[in-house]
PDB file of all heavy atoms in Angstrom:
ATOM      1  N   SER A   1      68.846 152.179 427.921  1.00  0.00           N
ATOM      2  CA  SER A   1      67.570 152.818 428.418  1.00  0.00           C
ATOM      3  C   SER A   1      67.169 153.894 427.442  1.00  0.00           C
ATOM      4  O   SER A   1      68.095 154.458 426.683  1.00  0.00           O
ATOM      5  CB  SER A   1      67.781 153.437 429.750  1.00  0.00           C
ATOM      6  OG  SER A   1      68.020 152.535 430.732  1.00  0.00           O
ATOM      7  N   CYS A   2      65.867 154.092 427.264  1.00  0.00           N
ATOM      8  CA  CYS A   2      65.407 155.126 426.298  1.00  0.00           C
ATOM      9  C   CYS A   2      64.128 155.708 426.879  1.00  0.00           C
ATOM     10  O   CYS A   2      63.156 155.025 427.088  1.00  0.00           O
ATOM     11  CB  CYS A   2      65.178 154.448 425.022  1.00  0.00           C
ATOM     12  SG  CYS A   2      64.314 155.612 423.774  1.00  0.00           S
ATOM     13  N   ALA A   3      64.236 156.998 427.243  1.00  0.00           N
ATOM     14  CA  ALA A   3      63.134 157.706 427.827  1.00  0.00           C
ATOM     15  C   ALA A   3      62.529 158.663 426.893  1.00  0.00           C
ATOM     16  O   ALA A   3      63.365 159.506 426.289  1.00  0.00           O
ATOM     17  CB  ALA A   3      63.562 158.355 429.057  1.00  0.00           C
ATOM     18  N   ALA A   4      61.287 158.602 426.584  1.00  0.00           N
ATOM     19  CA  ALA A   4      60.430 159.579 425.870  1.00  0.00           C
ATOM     20  C   ALA A   4      59.992 160.740 426.747  1.00  0.00           C
ATOM     21  O   ALA A   4      59.471 160.514 427.943  1.00  0.00           O
ATOM     22  CB  ALA A   4      59.348 158.893 425.194  1.00  0.00           C
ATOM     23  N   SER A   5      60.192 161.895 426.231  1.00  0.00           N
ATOM     24  CA  SER A   5      59.815 163.116 426.891  1.00  0.00           C
ATOM     25  C   SER A   5      59.225 164.190 426.093  1.00  0.00           C
ATOM     26  O   SER A   5      59.399 163.939 424.845  1.00  0.00           O
ATOM     27  CB  SER A   5      61.018 163.640 427.747  1.00  0.00           C
ATOM     28  OG  SER A   5      62.040 164.107 426.891  1.00  0.00           O
ATOM     29  N   GLY A   6      58.646 165.184 426.531  1.00  0.00           N
ATOM     30  CA  GLY A   6      58.040 166.191 425.839  1.00  0.00           C
ATOM     31  C   GLY A   6      56.521 166.233 425.964  1.00  0.00           C
ATOM     32  O   GLY A   6      55.900 165.668 426.910  1.00  0.00           O
ATOM     33  N   SER A   7      55.768 166.640 424.968  1.00  0.00           N
ATOM     34  CA  SER A   7      54.437 166.658 424.802  1.00  0.00           C
ATOM     35  C   SER A   7      53.882 165.294 424.420  1.00  0.00           C
ATOM     36  O   SER A   7      53.848 164.956 423.219  1.00  0.00           O
ATOM     37  CB  SER A   7      53.893 167.819 423.886  1.00  0.00           C
ATOM     38  OG  SER A   7      54.286 169.005 424.332  1.00  0.00           O
ATOM     39  N   ILE A   8      53.679 164.479 425.389  1.00  0.00           N
ATOM     40  CA  ILE A   8      53.108 163.044 425.147  1.00  0.00           C
ATOM     41  C   ILE A   8      51.864 162.743 425.756  1.00  0.00           C
ATOM     42  O   ILE A   8      51.720 163.001 427.038  1.00  0.00           O
ATOM     43  CB  ILE A   8      54.215 162.058 425.784  1.00  0.00           C
ATOM     44  CG1 ILE A   8      55.572 162.251 424.919  1.00  0.00           C
ATOM     45  CG2 ILE A   8      53.722 160.639 425.498  1.00  0.00           C
ATOM     46  CD1 ILE A   8      56.651 161.356 425.484  1.00  0.00           C
ATOM     47  N   PHE A   9      50.918 162.312 424.982  1.00  0.00           N
ATOM     48  CA  PHE A   9      49.676 161.911 425.543  1.00  0.00           C
ATOM     49  C   PHE A   9      49.742 160.416 425.872  1.00  0.00           C
ATOM     50  O   PHE A   9      49.309 159.979 426.948  1.00  0.00           O
ATOM     51  CB  PHE A   9      48.569 162.106 424.525  1.00  0.00           C
ATOM     52  CG  PHE A   9      47.149 161.645 425.003  1.00  0.00           C
ATOM     53  CD1 PHE A   9      46.555 162.286 425.925  1.00  0.00           C
ATOM     54  CD2 PHE A   9      46.577 160.534 424.473  1.00  0.00           C
ATOM     55  CE1 PHE A   9      45.252 161.978 426.384  1.00  0.00           C
ATOM     56  CE2 PHE A   9      45.307 160.069 424.877  1.00  0.00           C
ATOM     57  CZ  PHE A   9      44.703 160.830 425.934  1.00  0.00           C
ATOM     58  N   ARG A  10      50.187 159.570 425.033  1.00  0.00           N
ATOM     59  CA  ARG A  10      50.364 158.090 425.214  1.00  0.00           C
ATOM     60  C   ARG A  10      51.496 157.582 424.361  1.00  0.00           C
ATOM     61  O   ARG A  10      51.555 157.974 423.158  1.00  0.00           O
ATOM     62  CB  ARG A  10      49.070 157.514 425.056  1.00  0.00           C
ATOM     63  CG  ARG A  10      49.182 155.975 425.474  1.00  0.00           C
ATOM     64  CD  ARG A  10      47.841 155.233 425.085  1.00  0.00           C
ATOM     65  NE  ARG A  10      47.487 154.985 423.752  1.00  0.00           N
ATOM     66  CZ  ARG A  10      46.642 155.689 423.146  1.00  0.00           C
ATOM     67  NH1 ARG A  10      45.758 156.536 423.766  1.00  0.00           N
ATOM     68  NH2 ARG A  10      46.298 155.482 421.826  1.00  0.00           N
ATOM     69  N   VAL A  11      52.268 156.582 425.034  1.00  0.00           N
ATOM     70  CA  VAL A  11      53.206 155.839 424.096  1.00  0.00           C
ATOM     71  C   VAL A  11      52.707 154.479 423.922  1.00  0.00           C
ATOM     72  O   VAL A  11      52.403 153.790 424.848  1.00  0.00           O
ATOM     73  CB  VAL A  11      54.639 155.770 424.829  1.00  0.00           C
ATOM     74  CG1 VAL A  11      55.606 155.022 424.132  1.00  0.00           C
ATOM     75  CG2 VAL A  11      55.077 157.230 425.232  1.00  0.00           C
ATOM     76  N   ASN A  12      52.695 154.168 422.644  1.00  0.00           N
ATOM     77  CA  ASN A  12      52.130 152.846 422.229  1.00  0.00           C
ATOM     78  C   ASN A  12      53.331 151.864 422.211  1.00  0.00           C
ATOM     79  O   ASN A  12      54.045 151.676 423.048  1.00  0.00           O
ATOM     80  CB  ASN A  12      51.456 152.889 420.839  1.00  0.00           C
ATOM     81  CG  ASN A  12      50.197 153.818 421.011  1.00  0.00           C
ATOM     82  OD1 ASN A  12      49.464 153.709 422.082  1.00  0.00           O
ATOM     83  ND2 ASN A  12      49.772 154.490 419.987  1.00  0.00           N
ATOM     84  N   ASP A  13      53.615 151.251 420.957  1.00  0.00           N
ATOM     85  CA  ASP A  13      54.802 150.277 420.920  1.00  0.00           C
ATOM     86  C   ASP A  13      56.121 150.960 420.968  1.00  0.00           C
ATOM     87  O   ASP A  13      56.203 152.214 420.605  1.00  0.00           O
ATOM     88  CB  ASP A  13      54.589 149.527 419.525  1.00  0.00           C
ATOM     89  CG  ASP A  13      53.408 148.676 419.426  1.00  0.00           C
ATOM     90  OD1 ASP A  13      52.687 148.493 420.348  1.00  0.00           O
ATOM     91  OD2 ASP A  13      53.260 148.087 418.231  1.00  0.00           O
ATOM     92  N   MET A  14      57.010 150.242 421.543  1.00  0.00           N
ATOM     93  CA  MET A  14      58.336 150.662 421.703  1.00  0.00           C
ATOM     94  C   MET A  14      59.249 149.663 421.302  1.00  0.00           C
ATOM     95  O   MET A  14      58.908 148.487 421.405  1.00  0.00           O
ATOM     96  CB  MET A  14      58.760 151.301 423.121  1.00  0.00           C
ATOM     97  CG  MET A  14      57.846 152.316 423.673  1.00  0.00           C
ATOM     98  SD  MET A  14      58.414 152.911 425.238  1.00  0.00           S
ATOM     99  CE  MET A  14      59.758 154.159 424.662  1.00  0.00           C
ATOM    100  N   GLY A  15      60.504 149.893 420.962  1.00  0.00           N
ATOM    101  CA  GLY A  15      61.360 148.910 420.448  1.00  0.00           C
ATOM    102  C   GLY A  15      62.809 149.448 420.196  1.00  0.00           C
ATOM    103  O   GLY A  15      63.030 150.590 420.222  1.00  0.00           O
ATOM    104  N   TRP A  16      63.589 148.414 419.992  1.00  0.00           N
ATOM    105  CA  TRP A  16      64.969 148.680 419.734  1.00  0.00           C
ATOM    106  C   TRP A  16      65.411 148.079 418.290  1.00  0.00           C
ATOM    107  O   TRP A  16      64.980 147.038 417.948  1.00  0.00           O
ATOM    108  CB  TRP A  16      65.895 148.113 420.696  1.00  0.00           C
ATOM    109  CG  TRP A  16      65.770 148.659 422.030  1.00  0.00           C
ATOM    110  CD1 TRP A  16      64.939 148.238 423.051  1.00  0.00           C
ATOM    111  CD2 TRP A  16      66.483 149.858 422.498  1.00  0.00           C
ATOM    112  NE1 TRP A  16      65.114 149.091 424.117  1.00  0.00           N
ATOM    113  CE2 TRP A  16      66.086 150.028 423.841  1.00  0.00           C
ATOM    114  CE3 TRP A  16      67.598 150.550 422.028  1.00  0.00           C
ATOM    115  CZ2 TRP A  16      66.492 151.026 424.659  1.00  0.00           C
ATOM    116  CZ3 TRP A  16      67.935 151.626 422.830  1.00  0.00           C
ATOM    117  CH2 TRP A  16      67.505 151.768 424.181  1.00  0.00           C
ATOM    118  N   TYR A  17      66.127 148.974 417.575  1.00  0.00           N
ATOM    119  CA  TYR A  17      66.705 148.484 416.335  1.00  0.00           C
ATOM    120  C   TYR A  17      68.241 148.719 416.320  1.00  0.00           C
ATOM    121  O   TYR A  17      68.720 149.445 417.199  1.00  0.00           O
ATOM    122  CB  TYR A  17      66.174 149.350 415.155  1.00  0.00           C
ATOM    123  CG  TYR A  17      64.744 149.039 414.879  1.00  0.00           C
ATOM    124  CD1 TYR A  17      63.691 149.616 415.802  1.00  0.00           C
ATOM    125  CD2 TYR A  17      64.346 148.285 413.753  1.00  0.00           C
ATOM    126  CE1 TYR A  17      62.325 149.278 415.555  1.00  0.00           C
ATOM    127  CE2 TYR A  17      62.883 147.975 413.647  1.00  0.00           C
ATOM    128  CZ  TYR A  17      61.969 148.605 414.432  1.00  0.00           C
ATOM    129  OH  TYR A  17      60.689 148.336 414.267  1.00  0.00           O
ATOM    130  N   ARG A  18      69.034 148.086 415.467  1.00  0.00           N
ATOM    131  CA  ARG A  18      70.436 148.206 415.331  1.00  0.00           C
ATOM    132  C   ARG A  18      70.911 148.238 413.908  1.00  0.00           C
ATOM    133  O   ARG A  18      70.343 147.626 413.105  1.00  0.00           O
ATOM    134  CB  ARG A  18      71.187 147.220 416.195  1.00  0.00           C
ATOM    135  CG  ARG A  18      71.076 145.782 415.715  1.00  0.00           C
ATOM    136  CD  ARG A  18      71.791 144.846 416.609  1.00  0.00           C
ATOM    137  NE  ARG A  18      71.818 143.452 416.210  1.00  0.00           N
ATOM    138  CZ  ARG A  18      72.179 142.443 416.835  1.00  0.00           C
ATOM    139  NH1 ARG A  18      72.560 142.588 418.019  1.00  0.00           N
ATOM    140  NH2 ARG A  18      72.178 141.208 416.347  1.00  0.00           N
ATOM    141  N   GLN A  19      72.033 148.869 413.781  1.00  0.00           N
ATOM    142  CA  GLN A  19      72.620 148.909 412.335  1.00  0.00           C
ATOM    143  C   GLN A  19      74.135 148.819 412.583  1.00  0.00           C
ATOM    144  O   GLN A  19      74.787 149.687 413.220  1.00  0.00           O
ATOM    145  CB  GLN A  19      72.284 150.277 411.659  1.00  0.00           C
ATOM    146  CG  GLN A  19      72.711 150.399 410.277  1.00  0.00           C
ATOM    147  CD  GLN A  19      72.065 151.421 409.509  1.00  0.00           C
ATOM    148  OE1 GLN A  19      71.675 152.392 410.071  1.00  0.00           O
ATOM    149  NE2 GLN A  19      72.102 151.293 408.138  1.00  0.00           N
ATOM    150  N   ALA A  20      74.704 147.789 412.096  1.00  0.00           N
ATOM    151  CA  ALA A  20      76.221 147.603 411.990  1.00  0.00           C
ATOM    152  C   ALA A  20      76.789 148.333 410.788  1.00  0.00           C
ATOM    153  O   ALA A  20      76.009 148.451 409.724  1.00  0.00           O
ATOM    154  CB  ALA A  20      76.514 146.157 411.895  1.00  0.00           C
ATOM    155  N   PRO A  21      78.025 148.644 410.664  1.00  0.00           N
ATOM    156  CA  PRO A  21      78.657 149.340 409.581  1.00  0.00           C
ATOM    157  C   PRO A  21      78.456 148.566 408.384  1.00  0.00           C
ATOM    158  O   PRO A  21      78.815 147.400 408.312  1.00  0.00           O
ATOM    159  CB  PRO A  21      80.140 149.383 409.994  1.00  0.00           C
ATOM    160  CG  PRO A  21      80.097 149.437 411.445  1.00  0.00           C
ATOM    161  CD  PRO A  21      79.103 148.591 411.836  1.00  0.00           C
ATOM    162  N   GLY A  22      77.915 149.185 407.213  1.00  0.00           N
ATOM    163  CA  GLY A  22      77.861 148.574 406.046  1.00  0.00           C
ATOM    164  C   GLY A  22      76.542 147.566 405.888  1.00  0.00           C
ATOM    165  O   GLY A  22      76.394 146.846 404.799  1.00  0.00           O
ATOM    166  N   LYS A  23      75.873 147.499 406.869  1.00  0.00           N
ATOM    167  CA  LYS A  23      74.647 146.607 406.831  1.00  0.00           C
ATOM    168  C   LYS A  23      73.324 147.425 407.061  1.00  0.00           C
ATOM    169  O   LYS A  23      73.292 148.620 407.516  1.00  0.00           O
ATOM    170  CB  LYS A  23      74.765 145.584 408.036  1.00  0.00           C
ATOM    171  CG  LYS A  23      75.878 144.581 407.683  1.00  0.00           C
ATOM    172  CD  LYS A  23      75.920 143.417 408.797  1.00  0.00           C
ATOM    173  CE  LYS A  23      76.913 142.369 408.437  1.00  0.00           C
ATOM    174  NZ  LYS A  23      76.777 141.280 409.385  1.00  0.00           N
ATOM    175  N   GLN A  24      72.246 146.704 406.698  1.00  0.00           N
ATOM    176  CA  GLN A  24      70.923 147.402 406.955  1.00  0.00           C
ATOM    177  C   GLN A  24      70.488 147.412 408.477  1.00  0.00           C
ATOM    178  O   GLN A  24      70.963 146.519 409.232  1.00  0.00           O
ATOM    179  CB  GLN A  24      69.853 146.580 406.000  1.00  0.00           C
ATOM    180  CG  GLN A  24      70.009 146.725 404.564  1.00  0.00           C
ATOM    181  CD  GLN A  24      68.882 145.857 403.931  1.00  0.00           C
ATOM    182  OE1 GLN A  24      68.597 144.827 404.193  1.00  0.00           O
ATOM    183  NE2 GLN A  24      68.370 146.609 402.987  1.00  0.00           N
ATOM    184  N   ARG A  25      69.545 148.383 408.696  1.00  0.00           N
ATOM    185  CA  ARG A  25      69.142 148.356 410.008  1.00  0.00           C
ATOM    186  C   ARG A  25      68.173 147.158 410.292  1.00  0.00           C
ATOM    187  O   ARG A  25      67.481 146.824 409.409  1.00  0.00           O
ATOM    188  CB  ARG A  25      68.291 149.739 410.295  1.00  0.00           C
ATOM    189  CG  ARG A  25      67.682 149.827 411.603  1.00  0.00           C
ATOM    190  CD  ARG A  25      66.758 151.052 411.724  1.00  0.00           C
ATOM    191  NE  ARG A  25      65.712 151.023 410.721  1.00  0.00           N
ATOM    192  CZ  ARG A  25      64.769 151.922 410.538  1.00  0.00           C
ATOM    193  NH1 ARG A  25      64.920 153.114 411.098  1.00  0.00           N
ATOM    194  NH2 ARG A  25      63.713 151.707 409.719  1.00  0.00           N
ATOM    195  N   GLU A  26      68.304 146.516 411.482  1.00  0.00           N
ATOM    196  CA  GLU A  26      67.454 145.408 411.672  1.00  0.00           C
ATOM    197  C   GLU A  26      66.761 145.567 413.111  1.00  0.00           C
ATOM    198  O   GLU A  26      67.279 146.209 413.991  1.00  0.00           O
ATOM    199  CB  GLU A  26      68.261 144.114 411.742  1.00  0.00           C
ATOM    200  CG  GLU A  26      69.399 144.077 412.833  1.00  0.00           C
ATOM    201  CD  GLU A  26      70.114 142.773 412.959  1.00  0.00           C
ATOM    202  OE1 GLU A  26      69.620 141.737 412.254  1.00  0.00           O
ATOM    203  OE2 GLU A  26      71.121 142.639 413.752  1.00  0.00           O
ATOM    204  N   LEU A  27      65.638 144.978 413.111  1.00  0.00           N
ATOM    205  CA  LEU A  27      64.880 144.885 414.401  1.00  0.00           C
ATOM    206  C   LEU A  27      65.459 143.988 415.406  1.00  0.00           C
ATOM    207  O   LEU A  27      65.882 142.974 415.115  1.00  0.00           O
ATOM    208  CB  LEU A  27      63.392 144.505 414.146  1.00  0.00           C
ATOM    209  CG  LEU A  27      62.481 144.442 415.318  1.00  0.00           C
ATOM    210  CD1 LEU A  27      61.044 144.706 414.770  1.00  0.00           C
ATOM    211  CD2 LEU A  27      62.463 143.031 416.149  1.00  0.00           C
ATOM    212  N   VAL A  28      65.590 144.480 416.545  1.00  0.00           N
ATOM    213  CA  VAL A  28      66.152 143.771 417.714  1.00  0.00           C
ATOM    214  C   VAL A  28      65.072 143.137 418.632  1.00  0.00           C
ATOM    215  O   VAL A  28      64.948 141.982 418.856  1.00  0.00           O
ATOM    216  CB  VAL A  28      67.162 144.509 418.547  1.00  0.00           C
ATOM    217  CG1 VAL A  28      67.701 143.751 419.744  1.00  0.00           C
ATOM    218  CG2 VAL A  28      68.285 145.050 417.574  1.00  0.00           C
ATOM    219  N   ALA A  29      64.260 144.083 419.027  1.00  0.00           N
ATOM    220  CA  ALA A  29      63.163 143.743 419.993  1.00  0.00           C
ATOM    221  C   ALA A  29      62.104 144.731 419.973  1.00  0.00           C
ATOM    222  O   ALA A  29      62.408 145.933 419.890  1.00  0.00           O
ATOM    223  CB  ALA A  29      63.621 143.417 421.441  1.00  0.00           C
ATOM    224  N   THR A  30      60.835 144.365 420.275  1.00  0.00           N
ATOM    225  CA  THR A  30      59.729 145.260 420.270  1.00  0.00           C
ATOM    226  C   THR A  30      58.938 144.861 421.499  1.00  0.00           C
ATOM    227  O   THR A  30      58.941 143.751 421.851  1.00  0.00           O
ATOM    228  CB  THR A  30      58.816 145.409 419.179  1.00  0.00           C
ATOM    229  OG1 THR A  30      58.280 144.128 418.869  1.00  0.00           O
ATOM    230  CG2 THR A  30      59.616 145.829 417.892  1.00  0.00           C
ATOM    231  N   SER A  31      58.117 145.892 422.031  1.00  0.00           N
ATOM    232  CA  SER A  31      57.160 145.646 423.171  1.00  0.00           C
ATOM    233  C   SER A  31      56.031 146.505 422.946  1.00  0.00           C
ATOM    234  O   SER A  31      56.053 147.758 422.802  1.00  0.00           O
ATOM    235  CB  SER A  31      57.898 145.936 424.470  1.00  0.00           C
ATOM    236  OG  SER A  31      56.998 145.834 425.564  1.00  0.00           O
ATOM    237  N   THR A  32      54.832 145.837 423.070  1.00  0.00           N
ATOM    238  CA  THR A  32      53.659 146.672 423.027  1.00  0.00           C
ATOM    239  C   THR A  32      53.303 147.308 424.486  1.00  0.00           C
ATOM    240  O   THR A  32      54.059 146.966 425.384  1.00  0.00           O
ATOM    241  CB  THR A  32      52.357 145.883 422.785  1.00  0.00           C
ATOM    242  OG1 THR A  32      52.116 144.886 423.838  1.00  0.00           O
ATOM    243  CG2 THR A  32      52.576 145.003 421.500  1.00  0.00           C
ATOM    244  N   ARG A  33      52.438 148.324 424.477  1.00  0.00           N
ATOM    245  CA  ARG A  33      52.148 148.899 425.827  1.00  0.00           C
ATOM    246  C   ARG A  33      51.777 147.890 426.879  1.00  0.00           C
ATOM    247  O   ARG A  33      52.076 148.163 427.920  1.00  0.00           O
ATOM    248  CB  ARG A  33      51.159 150.010 425.620  1.00  0.00           C
ATOM    249  CG  ARG A  33      50.873 150.779 426.826  1.00  0.00           C
ATOM    250  CD  ARG A  33      49.783 151.897 426.585  1.00  0.00           C
ATOM    251  NE  ARG A  33      49.484 152.671 427.811  1.00  0.00           N
ATOM    252  CZ  ARG A  33      50.260 153.568 428.303  1.00  0.00           C
ATOM    253  NH1 ARG A  33      51.393 154.012 427.600  1.00  0.00           N
ATOM    254  NH2 ARG A  33      49.933 154.180 429.434  1.00  0.00           N
ATOM    255  N   GLY A  34      51.072 146.839 426.354  1.00  0.00           N
ATOM    256  CA  GLY A  34      50.667 145.791 427.279  1.00  0.00           C
ATOM    257  C   GLY A  34      51.615 144.859 427.712  1.00  0.00           C
ATOM    258  O   GLY A  34      51.365 143.956 428.555  1.00  0.00           O
ATOM    259  N   GLY A  35      52.811 144.917 427.083  1.00  0.00           N
ATOM    260  CA  GLY A  35      53.979 143.989 427.552  1.00  0.00           C
ATOM    261  C   GLY A  35      54.179 142.824 426.700  1.00  0.00           C
ATOM    262  O   GLY A  35      55.050 142.041 427.041  1.00  0.00           O
ATOM    263  N   TYR A  36      53.532 142.741 425.444  1.00  0.00           N
ATOM    264  CA  TYR A  36      53.831 141.719 424.546  1.00  0.00           C
ATOM    265  C   TYR A  36      55.055 142.029 423.812  1.00  0.00           C
ATOM    266  O   TYR A  36      55.256 143.014 423.322  1.00  0.00           O
ATOM    267  CB  TYR A  36      52.646 141.443 423.571  1.00  0.00           C
ATOM    268  CG  TYR A  36      51.387 141.122 424.258  1.00  0.00           C
ATOM    269  CD1 TYR A  36      50.309 141.891 424.503  1.00  0.00           C
ATOM    270  CD2 TYR A  36      51.216 139.680 424.417  1.00  0.00           C
ATOM    271  CE1 TYR A  36      49.226 141.512 425.033  1.00  0.00           C
ATOM    272  CE2 TYR A  36      50.060 139.257 425.052  1.00  0.00           C
ATOM    273  CZ  TYR A  36      49.028 140.051 425.450  1.00  0.00           C
ATOM    274  OH  TYR A  36      47.770 139.710 425.795  1.00  0.00           O
ATOM    275  N   THR A  37      55.957 140.971 423.722  1.00  0.00           N
ATOM    276  CA  THR A  37      57.231 141.284 423.216  1.00  0.00           C
ATOM    277  C   THR A  37      57.580 140.341 422.031  1.00  0.00           C
ATOM    278  O   THR A  37      57.045 139.277 421.868  1.00  0.00           O
ATOM    279  CB  THR A  37      58.364 140.870 424.299  1.00  0.00           C
ATOM    280  OG1 THR A  37      58.177 139.530 424.738  1.00  0.00           O
ATOM    281  CG2 THR A  37      58.120 141.830 425.495  1.00  0.00           C
ATOM    282  N   ASN A  38      58.677 140.906 421.154  1.00  0.00           N
ATOM    283  CA  ASN A  38      59.045 140.021 420.089  1.00  0.00           C
ATOM    284  C   ASN A  38      60.507 140.306 419.897  1.00  0.00           C
ATOM    285  O   ASN A  38      61.002 141.439 420.081  1.00  0.00           O
ATOM    286  CB  ASN A  38      58.212 140.583 418.744  1.00  0.00           C
ATOM    287  CG  ASN A  38      58.657 139.836 417.561  1.00  0.00           C
ATOM    288  OD1 ASN A  38      58.651 138.614 417.515  1.00  0.00           O
ATOM    289  ND2 ASN A  38      59.137 140.494 416.510  1.00  0.00           N
ATOM    290  N   TYR A  39      61.185 139.241 419.630  1.00  0.00           N
ATOM    291  CA  TYR A  39      62.697 139.280 419.482  1.00  0.00           C
ATOM    292  C   TYR A  39      63.136 138.838 418.147  1.00  0.00           C
ATOM    293  O   TYR A  39      62.613 137.867 417.584  1.00  0.00           O
ATOM    294  CB  TYR A  39      63.441 138.520 420.486  1.00  0.00           C
ATOM    295  CG  TYR A  39      63.069 139.011 421.932  1.00  0.00           C
ATOM    296  CD1 TYR A  39      61.895 138.567 422.623  1.00  0.00           C
ATOM    297  CD2 TYR A  39      63.938 139.982 422.538  1.00  0.00           C
ATOM    298  CE1 TYR A  39      61.779 138.944 423.900  1.00  0.00           C
ATOM    299  CE2 TYR A  39      63.654 140.363 423.862  1.00  0.00           C
ATOM    300  CZ  TYR A  39      62.675 139.963 424.617  1.00  0.00           C
ATOM    301  OH  TYR A  39      62.314 140.446 425.835  1.00  0.00           O
TER     302      TYR A  39
END
């Protein structure tokens, strides 16, 4: 889970990335505000 807090007017795209030891960060999944997803 990931919760955004603070002074927020609107949250647009959200997503998850991961980085294994010795490797580059990679995209895992993204979601637009309207619910369109990419994996």
